[in-house]
Protein backbone atom coordinates (compact mmCIF):
# COMPACT_ATOMS: atom_id res chain seq x y z
CA UNK A 1 4.18 -20.76 -13.62
CA UNK A 2 5.08 -18.05 -15.95
CA UNK A 3 4.56 -14.31 -15.01
CA UNK A 4 2.01 -14.01 -17.90
CA UNK A 5 -0.05 -16.66 -16.15
CA UNK A 6 0.36 -15.04 -12.72
CA UNK A 7 -0.80 -11.87 -14.35
CA UNK A 8 -3.86 -13.58 -15.79
CA UNK A 9 -4.82 -14.95 -12.56
CA UNK A 10 -4.23 -11.63 -10.80
CA UNK A 11 -6.30 -9.89 -13.03
CA UNK A 12 -9.45 -12.21 -12.41
CA UNK A 13 -9.09 -12.36 -8.71
CA UNK A 14 -8.02 -9.04 -7.31
CA UNK A 15 -10.86 -6.69 -6.53
CA UNK A 16 -10.51 -3.68 -8.96
CA UNK A 17 -14.28 -2.54 -8.77
CA UNK A 18 -14.70 1.01 -9.01
CA UNK A 19 -18.58 0.75 -8.68
CA UNK A 20 -17.99 -0.45 -5.05
CA UNK A 21 -16.91 2.40 -2.63
CA UNK A 22 -14.54 1.84 0.16
CA UNK A 23 -14.47 2.97 3.96
CA UNK A 24 -13.02 2.85 7.40
CA UNK A 25 -14.21 1.64 10.95
CA UNK A 26 -13.90 3.52 14.18
CA UNK A 27 -10.95 2.67 16.48
CA UNK A 28 -13.17 2.85 19.36
CA UNK A 29 -15.60 0.46 18.04
CA UNK A 30 -14.37 -3.09 19.16
CA UNK A 31 -15.76 -5.67 16.68
CA UNK A 32 -15.05 -9.25 16.91
CA UNK A 33 -15.66 -9.93 13.49
CA UNK A 34 -13.25 -9.95 10.43
CA UNK A 35 -13.29 -9.95 6.68
CA UNK A 36 -11.70 -11.97 4.06
CA UNK A 37 -11.82 -12.12 0.28
CA UNK A 38 -8.99 -13.68 -1.70
CA UNK A 39 -7.66 -10.87 -3.90
CA UNK A 40 -4.83 -11.23 -6.33
CA UNK A 41 -3.56 -7.79 -7.86
CA UNK A 42 -1.73 -7.76 -11.20
CA UNK A 43 2.12 -8.00 -10.97
CA UNK A 44 3.49 -4.64 -11.78
CA UNK A 45 6.66 -3.85 -13.91
CA UNK A 46 8.57 -3.00 -10.79
CA UNK A 47 7.92 -6.58 -9.58
CA UNK A 48 8.94 -8.10 -12.66
CA UNK A 49 12.20 -6.19 -12.77
CA UNK A 50 13.02 -7.61 -9.18
CA UNK A 51 12.76 -4.26 -7.40
CA UNK A 52 12.94 -4.59 -3.63
CA UNK A 53 9.27 -4.59 -2.36
CA UNK A 54 10.15 -4.29 1.39
CA UNK A 55 9.99 -0.60 1.66
CA UNK A 56 6.77 1.08 3.19
CA UNK A 57 6.00 2.84 -0.17
CA UNK A 58 5.95 -0.37 -2.21
CA UNK A 59 4.31 -2.58 0.40
CA UNK A 60 1.35 0.19 0.11
CA UNK A 61 1.02 -0.61 -3.58
CA UNK A 62 -1.37 -3.26 -4.38
CA UNK A 63 1.00 -4.68 -7.03
CA UNK A 64 3.18 -6.01 -4.31
CA UNK A 65 0.43 -8.45 -3.14
CA UNK A 66 -0.60 -11.57 -5.03
CA UNK A 67 -3.09 -13.41 -2.91
CA UNK A 68 -3.24 -16.83 -1.34
CA UNK A 69 -4.41 -18.70 -4.55
CA UNK A 70 -0.97 -17.73 -6.21
CA UNK A 71 0.72 -19.74 -3.29
CA UNK A 72 -1.04 -23.16 -3.87
CA UNK A 73 1.12 -24.51 -6.60
CA UNK A 74 4.21 -24.45 -4.76
CA UNK A 75 2.53 -25.02 -1.38
CA UNK A 76 -0.56 -27.17 -1.97
CA UNK A 77 -0.78 -28.77 1.47
CA UNK A 78 -0.47 -25.32 3.41
CA UNK A 79 -2.95 -23.68 1.10
CA UNK A 80 -5.49 -26.31 1.35
CA UNK A 81 -5.25 -26.28 5.14
CA UNK A 82 -5.30 -22.61 5.29
CA UNK A 83 -8.42 -22.03 3.12
CA UNK A 84 -10.44 -23.70 5.88
CA UNK A 85 -9.08 -21.65 8.63
CA UNK A 86 -11.03 -18.71 10.40
CA UNK A 87 -8.39 -16.18 9.10
CA UNK A 88 -9.32 -17.33 5.55
CA UNK A 89 -13.13 -17.04 5.78
CA UNK A 90 -13.25 -14.17 8.16
CA UNK A 91 -14.29 -12.07 5.59
CA UNK A 92 -15.97 -12.44 2.23
CA UNK A 93 -18.20 -10.71 -0.39
CA UNK A 94 -21.86 -10.83 0.63
CA UNK A 95 -23.73 -13.68 -1.02
CA UNK A 96 -26.11 -16.51 -0.22
CA UNK A 97 -23.28 -18.71 0.86
CA UNK A 98 -21.25 -16.41 2.94
CA UNK A 99 -24.10 -14.73 4.91
CA UNK A 100 -25.20 -16.90 7.66
CA UNK A 101 -28.55 -15.17 8.70
CA UNK A 102 -31.96 -15.74 7.32
CA UNK A 103 -33.92 -13.73 4.94
CA UNK A 104 -37.45 -15.31 4.87
CA UNK A 105 -40.20 -15.63 7.34
CA UNK A 106 -40.02 -14.27 11.03
CA UNK A 107 -36.51 -15.12 10.97
CA UNK A 108 -35.80 -12.33 8.46
CA UNK A 109 -36.93 -9.75 11.11
CA UNK A 110 -35.28 -8.13 14.16
CA UNK A 111 -37.55 -6.38 16.70
CA UNK A 112 -36.13 -3.78 18.79
CA UNK A 113 -37.56 -2.34 22.31
CA UNK A 114 -38.71 0.73 20.34
CA UNK A 115 -42.07 -0.35 18.94
CA UNK A 116 -41.68 2.22 16.16
CA UNK A 117 -38.48 0.64 14.84
CA UNK A 118 -37.96 -2.63 13.52
CA UNK A 119 -35.34 -4.27 11.05
CA UNK A 120 -36.00 -6.57 8.12
CA UNK A 121 -33.17 -8.64 6.11
CA UNK A 122 -34.20 -8.96 2.33
CA UNK A 123 -32.58 -10.69 -0.58
CA UNK A 124 -33.27 -8.83 -4.03
CA UNK A 125 -31.77 -10.40 -7.28
CA UNK A 126 -28.74 -12.08 -5.65
CA UNK A 127 -28.12 -8.99 -3.56
CA UNK A 128 -28.89 -8.60 0.33
CA UNK A 129 -30.13 -5.74 2.27
CA UNK A 130 -30.81 -4.44 5.79
CA UNK A 131 -33.71 -2.20 6.13
CA UNK A 132 -34.77 -0.05 8.98
CA UNK A 133 -38.39 0.50 9.23
CA UNK A 134 -39.33 3.52 11.36
CA UNK A 135 -42.84 4.68 11.92
CA UNK A 136 -42.61 8.34 12.01
CA UNK A 137 -44.19 11.34 13.79
CA UNK A 138 -46.22 11.89 10.58
CA UNK A 139 -47.82 8.47 11.22
CA UNK A 140 -45.99 7.21 8.06
CA UNK A 141 -43.64 4.36 7.66
CA UNK A 142 -40.08 5.46 6.68
CA UNK A 143 -37.33 3.02 5.38
CA UNK A 144 -33.69 3.27 5.22
CA UNK A 145 -32.08 0.29 3.32
CA UNK A 146 -28.58 -0.50 2.71
CA UNK A 147 -26.88 -3.29 0.90
CA UNK A 148 -24.62 -5.87 2.62
CA UNK A 149 -21.54 -5.86 0.57
CA UNK A 150 -18.74 -7.30 2.87
CA UNK A 151 -19.32 -10.19 5.30
CA UNK A 152 -16.89 -10.01 8.32
CA UNK A 153 -16.65 -12.78 10.81
CA UNK A 154 -15.83 -16.49 10.59
CA UNK A 155 -19.27 -17.39 12.00
CA UNK A 156 -18.18 -19.00 15.01
CA UNK A 157 -19.31 -16.12 17.29
CA UNK A 158 -21.04 -14.27 14.55
CA UNK A 159 -20.83 -12.03 11.61
CA UNK A 160 -21.22 -8.42 10.97
CA UNK A 161 -21.65 -6.52 7.64
CA UNK A 162 -20.29 -3.54 5.85
CA UNK A 163 -21.28 -1.34 3.00
CA UNK A 164 -19.79 1.25 0.82
CA UNK A 165 -20.90 4.83 0.21
CA UNK A 166 -18.76 6.28 -2.45
CA UNK A 167 -15.37 5.85 -1.27
CA UNK A 168 -16.17 5.18 2.19
CA UNK A 169 -16.86 2.07 4.19
CA UNK A 170 -19.38 1.89 6.97
CA UNK A 171 -20.83 -0.78 9.32
CA UNK A 172 -24.40 -1.84 9.04
CA UNK A 173 -26.33 -1.76 12.28
CA UNK A 174 -27.45 -5.37 12.20
CA UNK A 175 -25.20 -8.33 12.83
CA UNK A 176 -25.65 -12.19 13.04
CA UNK A 177 -25.31 -14.05 16.39
CA UNK A 178 -24.25 -17.45 16.17
CA UNK A 179 -25.32 -18.41 19.77
CA UNK A 180 -29.11 -17.71 19.11
CA UNK A 181 -28.81 -18.19 15.30
CA UNK A 182 -30.75 -14.71 14.99
CA UNK A 183 -30.12 -11.11 13.81
CA UNK A 184 -28.88 -8.95 16.46
CA UNK A 185 -27.69 -5.37 17.04
CA UNK A 186 -24.02 -4.86 15.87
CA UNK A 187 -21.35 -4.59 18.68
CA UNK A 188 -21.65 -1.47 20.59
CA UNK A 189 -24.90 -0.40 18.81
CA UNK A 190 -27.86 0.73 20.97
CA UNK A 191 -31.03 -1.35 20.68
CA UNK A 192 -33.89 0.94 19.33
CA UNK A 193 -31.86 3.17 17.20
CA UNK A 194 -31.12 2.98 13.45
CA UNK A 195 -27.44 3.83 13.05
CA UNK A 196 -25.99 3.66 9.48
CA UNK A 197 -23.11 6.08 9.80
CA UNK A 198 -20.34 4.03 11.82
CA UNK A 199 -17.30 4.50 9.74
CA UNK A 200 -14.92 1.57 9.25
CA UNK A 201 -11.24 3.03 9.56
CA UNK A 202 -7.74 1.85 8.32
CA UNK A 203 -6.80 0.56 11.73
CA UNK A 204 -9.71 -1.84 11.91
CA UNK A 205 -9.06 -2.81 8.09
CA UNK A 206 -5.51 -3.59 9.11
CA UNK A 207 -6.92 -6.29 11.45
CA UNK A 208 -9.47 -7.67 9.01
CA UNK A 209 -7.75 -7.31 5.69
CA UNK A 210 -4.67 -7.87 3.80
CA UNK A 211 -4.47 -4.63 1.97
CA UNK A 212 -6.65 -1.47 1.52
CA UNK A 213 -5.36 1.64 -0.31
CA UNK A 214 -5.39 4.42 2.57
CA UNK A 215 -3.43 7.57 3.02
CA UNK A 216 -3.85 8.13 6.59
CA UNK A 217 -5.57 6.49 9.85
CA UNK A 218 -7.71 9.41 10.43
CA UNK A 219 -10.27 9.01 7.66
CA UNK A 220 -12.48 5.99 6.34
CA UNK A 221 -11.52 6.89 2.88
CA UNK A 222 -9.85 4.29 0.56
CA UNK A 223 -8.60 4.26 -3.00
CA UNK A 224 -11.08 3.21 -5.64
CA UNK A 225 -11.38 -0.50 -5.99
CA UNK A 226 -7.91 -1.43 -4.46
CA UNK A 227 -8.38 -3.88 -1.74
CA UNK A 228 -7.52 -7.44 -0.67
CA UNK A 229 -9.77 -8.57 2.02
CA UNK A 230 -8.91 -11.08 4.78
CA UNK A 231 -5.86 -12.20 6.72
CA UNK A 232 -4.08 -13.89 4.06
CA UNK A 233 -0.67 -15.64 3.64
CA UNK A 234 0.81 -12.13 3.09
CA UNK A 235 -0.08 -10.62 6.35
CA UNK A 236 2.39 -13.22 7.99
CA UNK A 237 4.81 -13.81 5.19
CA UNK A 238 4.95 -10.08 3.68
CA UNK A 239 3.94 -9.29 -0.09
CA UNK A 240 4.58 -12.04 -2.41
CA UNK A 241 5.03 -10.51 -5.83
CA UNK A 242 8.80 -10.49 -5.81
CA UNK A 243 9.04 -14.02 -4.30
CA UNK A 244 6.45 -15.38 -6.80
CA UNK A 245 8.32 -13.69 -9.87
CA UNK A 246 11.73 -15.07 -8.48
CA UNK A 247 10.52 -18.63 -8.15
CA UNK A 248 8.76 -18.61 -11.50
CA UNK A 249 12.13 -17.84 -13.08
CA UNK A 250 14.20 -20.15 -10.73
CA UNK A 251 11.70 -23.08 -9.58
CA UNK A 252 14.46 -25.32 -8.52
CA UNK A 253 15.89 -22.73 -6.16
CA UNK A 254 14.72 -24.04 -2.64
CA UNK A 255 16.08 -20.96 -0.83
CA UNK A 256 12.78 -19.12 -1.16
CA UNK A 257 14.20 -15.54 -1.06
CA UNK A 258 12.09 -12.39 -0.87
CA UNK A 259 9.73 -13.66 1.61
CA UNK A 260 9.51 -13.71 5.29
CA UNK A 261 9.69 -16.82 7.11
CA UNK A 262 8.29 -16.28 10.76
CA UNK A 263 9.97 -19.29 12.02
CA UNK A 264 13.47 -17.89 11.09
CA UNK A 265 12.73 -14.60 13.19
CA UNK A 266 13.53 -13.84 16.72
CA UNK A 267 10.78 -14.60 19.28
CA UNK A 268 10.05 -10.80 19.67
CA UNK A 269 9.81 -10.42 15.84
CA UNK A 270 7.65 -13.51 15.50
CA UNK A 271 5.27 -12.53 18.17
CA UNK A 272 4.86 -9.17 16.57
CA UNK A 273 3.62 -10.76 13.37
CA UNK A 274 0.36 -11.75 15.51
CA UNK A 275 0.56 -8.70 17.70
CA UNK A 276 -0.23 -6.27 14.89
CA UNK A 277 -3.94 -7.44 15.50
CA UNK A 278 -3.99 -9.16 18.83
CA UNK A 279 -2.41 -6.35 20.89
CA UNK A 280 -5.13 -3.58 20.40
CA UNK A 281 -5.32 -0.36 18.07
CA UNK A 282 -2.07 0.78 19.53
CA UNK A 283 -0.23 4.17 18.80
CA UNK A 284 -0.28 4.58 14.87
CA UNK A 285 2.95 5.67 12.98
CA UNK A 286 2.86 6.58 9.29
CA UNK A 287 0.53 5.27 6.74
CA UNK A 288 -1.65 2.22 7.01
CA UNK A 289 -0.84 -1.15 5.85
CA UNK A 290 3.02 -0.30 5.60
CA UNK A 291 4.06 -2.91 8.34
CA UNK A 292 6.09 -5.71 6.99
CA UNK A 293 6.52 -8.90 8.96
CA UNK A 294 9.80 -9.01 10.34
CA UNK A 295 10.36 -5.36 10.92
CA UNK A 296 10.11 -3.66 14.35
CA UNK A 297 6.16 -3.39 14.92
CA UNK A 298 6.57 -0.53 17.16
CA UNK A 299 7.88 1.71 14.21
CA UNK A 300 4.53 1.24 12.49
CA UNK A 301 1.87 0.38 15.22
CA UNK A 302 3.17 0.82 18.63
CA UNK A 303 1.21 -1.49 21.03
CA UNK A 304 -0.10 -0.11 24.39
CA UNK A 305 1.81 -1.30 27.56
CA UNK A 306 0.79 -4.86 28.53
CA UNK A 307 -0.66 -3.70 31.83
CA UNK A 308 -3.08 -1.40 29.88
CA UNK A 309 -4.15 -4.15 27.47
CA UNK A 310 -4.76 -6.69 30.39
CA UNK A 311 -6.83 -4.18 32.34
CA UNK A 312 -9.84 -4.90 29.89
CA UNK A 313 -9.69 -8.71 30.76
CA UNK A 314 -10.59 -11.31 28.24
CA UNK A 315 -10.49 -10.09 24.68
CA UNK A 316 -9.71 -10.86 21.13
CA UNK A 317 -7.27 -7.98 20.68
CA UNK A 318 -5.13 -8.35 23.82
CA UNK A 319 -4.09 -12.10 23.72
CA UNK A 320 -0.40 -11.28 23.21
CA UNK A 321 -0.55 -9.32 26.49
CA UNK A 322 -2.57 -11.97 28.43
CA UNK A 323 0.03 -14.66 27.23
CA UNK A 324 2.93 -12.47 28.37
CA UNK A 325 1.71 -12.82 31.96
CA UNK A 326 1.72 -16.51 31.82
CA UNK A 327 4.38 -18.73 33.56
CA UNK A 328 4.62 -20.78 30.53
CA UNK A 329 5.67 -17.69 28.43
CA UNK A 330 7.95 -16.02 30.86
CA UNK A 331 9.82 -19.39 31.72
CA UNK A 332 10.51 -20.04 28.02
CA UNK A 333 12.95 -18.57 25.57
CA UNK A 334 11.21 -19.71 22.52
CA UNK A 335 7.48 -20.08 23.21
CA UNK A 336 5.50 -17.98 20.55
CA UNK A 337 1.93 -18.07 19.19
CA UNK A 338 2.87 -20.57 16.77
CA UNK A 339 4.12 -22.88 19.42
CA UNK A 340 0.32 -23.55 20.05
CA UNK A 341 -1.25 -22.42 16.72
CA UNK A 342 -0.71 -23.74 13.32
CA UNK A 343 -1.87 -20.86 10.97
CA UNK A 344 -2.06 -23.20 8.02
CA UNK A 345 -4.47 -25.67 9.58
CA UNK A 346 -8.09 -25.61 10.74
CA UNK A 347 -7.71 -26.49 14.40
CA UNK A 348 -10.23 -24.22 16.23
CA UNK A 349 -11.93 -26.16 19.03
CA UNK A 350 -9.60 -29.17 18.88
CA UNK A 351 -8.88 -29.44 22.59
CA UNK A 352 -6.87 -32.71 22.50
CA UNK A 353 -4.68 -31.26 19.67
CA UNK A 354 -3.89 -28.14 21.68
CA UNK A 355 -3.35 -30.17 24.90
CA UNK A 356 -0.89 -32.28 23.13
CA UNK A 357 1.02 -29.10 22.76
CA UNK A 358 0.89 -28.48 26.34
CA UNK A 359 2.29 -31.83 26.79
CA UNK A 360 5.56 -30.78 24.76
CA UNK A 361 6.65 -29.06 27.93
CA UNK A 362 4.56 -30.48 30.74
CA UNK A 363 3.88 -34.07 31.88
CA UNK A 364 0.59 -35.47 32.79
CA UNK A 365 1.95 -36.33 36.37
CA UNK A 366 2.63 -32.75 37.00
CA UNK A 367 -1.07 -31.75 36.87
CA UNK A 368 -2.71 -31.74 40.13
CA UNK A 369 -5.86 -33.43 38.75
CA UNK A 370 -3.88 -36.41 37.55
CA UNK A 371 -4.75 -38.63 40.59
CA UNK A 372 -8.39 -38.23 39.91
CA UNK A 373 -8.39 -38.09 36.06
CA UNK A 374 -5.61 -40.42 35.24
CA UNK A 375 -4.18 -40.31 31.61
CA UNK A 376 -7.43 -39.21 30.26
CA UNK A 377 -6.16 -35.60 31.27
CA UNK A 378 -4.16 -35.62 27.95
CA UNK A 379 -7.45 -34.93 26.00
CA UNK A 380 -8.24 -31.59 27.82
CA UNK A 381 -5.70 -29.21 29.43
CA UNK A 382 -7.76 -26.22 27.92
CA UNK A 383 -10.91 -25.97 29.92
CA UNK A 384 -8.93 -25.77 33.21
CA UNK A 385 -6.02 -23.74 32.16
CA UNK A 386 -7.37 -21.40 29.27
CA UNK A 387 -10.98 -21.25 30.23
CA UNK A 388 -13.82 -19.62 28.25
CA UNK A 389 -14.52 -16.20 29.68
CA UNK A 390 -17.09 -13.53 28.72
CA UNK A 391 -15.67 -10.62 26.63
CA UNK A 392 -17.19 -7.70 28.58
CA UNK A 393 -15.77 -4.99 26.15
CA UNK A 394 -17.72 -6.54 23.03
CA UNK A 395 -21.31 -6.68 24.24
CA UNK A 396 -24.21 -6.90 21.73
CA UNK A 397 -27.50 -5.54 22.65
CA UNK A 398 -31.08 -6.88 22.01
CA UNK A 399 -34.52 -6.22 22.93
CA UNK A 400 -33.95 -8.98 25.77
CA UNK A 401 -30.70 -7.42 27.14
CA UNK A 402 -27.04 -7.83 26.66
CA UNK A 403 -24.96 -10.82 25.18
CA UNK A 404 -21.18 -11.33 25.50
CA UNK A 405 -19.05 -13.47 23.50
CA UNK A 406 -16.87 -16.26 25.06
CA UNK A 407 -13.29 -15.96 24.40
CA UNK A 408 -10.67 -18.36 25.50
CA UNK A 409 -8.28 -16.95 28.25
CA UNK A 410 -4.81 -16.68 27.03
CA UNK A 411 -3.25 -16.12 30.35
CA UNK A 412 -2.38 -19.76 30.94
CA UNK A 413 -2.83 -20.44 34.76
CA UNK A 414 -4.73 -22.46 37.30
CA UNK A 415 -8.45 -21.43 37.74
CA UNK A 416 -10.04 -23.48 40.57
CA UNK A 417 -13.67 -22.14 39.30
CA UNK A 418 -12.96 -23.57 35.77
CA UNK A 419 -11.75 -26.75 37.15
CA UNK A 420 -14.64 -27.30 39.27
CA UNK A 421 -17.07 -26.43 36.39
CA UNK A 422 -15.00 -28.95 34.11
CA UNK A 423 -15.32 -31.60 36.83
CA UNK A 424 -19.20 -31.04 37.29
CA UNK A 425 -19.60 -31.39 33.52
CA UNK A 426 -17.61 -34.63 33.35
CA UNK A 427 -19.74 -36.03 36.08
CA UNK A 428 -22.87 -34.87 34.44
CA UNK A 429 -21.89 -36.40 31.16
CA UNK A 430 -21.17 -39.91 32.76
């Protein structure tokens, strides 16, 4: 593909919309939900001239990024698999296809324990809104309405929604909860209050987007229109403009320079690619979005000690720390996150597939349940050794009480209660 063609695609896909303001999310707000939009910035003259794009300053430039769509010509299989993954769909622009909740009838409302406050979700001319209806002390109905602009979350657990106010990004008070199929208070929001001012900060966006133009971690202020939502190819491989430029000029070169190959990295550096999001907020150094895969993560986002991360129990952002306690990890020299997870394929929920990866190292006969279950054990190592647990740090509140998402335990081990539950379910299914 010629550079001019790459530019044309980039100009069509990269989000450059000054009418949509940008903003941040608070590091204290632990949200489960992510955002994804395929964006493709134009390739700059610096990229065309082959300048090194691995420095922090250049990585912060949107011109360094080209988006996943630019990868599909050379990597069609990986691209077609990737666009079906949770990383890909974990954030999108808000529209009728991306929003999971309902906008008609009783399902469009969320009632609170405060009989003077209720929320309504509405669709107006292909735009979608959350409205707080407040019965005031003056005996009049007051409304506060904001448009859903970014959908975050793949939808397995739920979705939450963001809106722009000038150059700031805020989280909306109502989310979608997949377990009930209904609207619910956003994570950490108190029931019975209308809160529209929770900022979405750069550290949150680093774990839910490929790129945002942001000067520092302390403010929810972003550059006008410069963002690429979603955890795309370039969050694991690094900005791709220079690589694409080189390959366009030398398509026969199979060396694939100017791009990071996680499989070629040391175990520590490979794991750090995942740890940038799955090891908590960490201690922040420098400017947002300047970490590049393959570089020492601690120089950009220094994770908290594993014992601190593990103190919160099961959660989405401490899975590297949980894994580090596992005998599987400690007794291996090369086990990484990618040993079990293929980021290019939609594998979520496929217990037999994940179990097959356990059996790359273990044997069926080594399991204590083998005498009872026999060879059928190959279909599901997960429910016993990585059972689902409630994430107590990410509760959502409703008029009926608290709900907690179920997250897989990444401390691989032996859990008698999980085994008993598994066996009881197995017996009930017969």
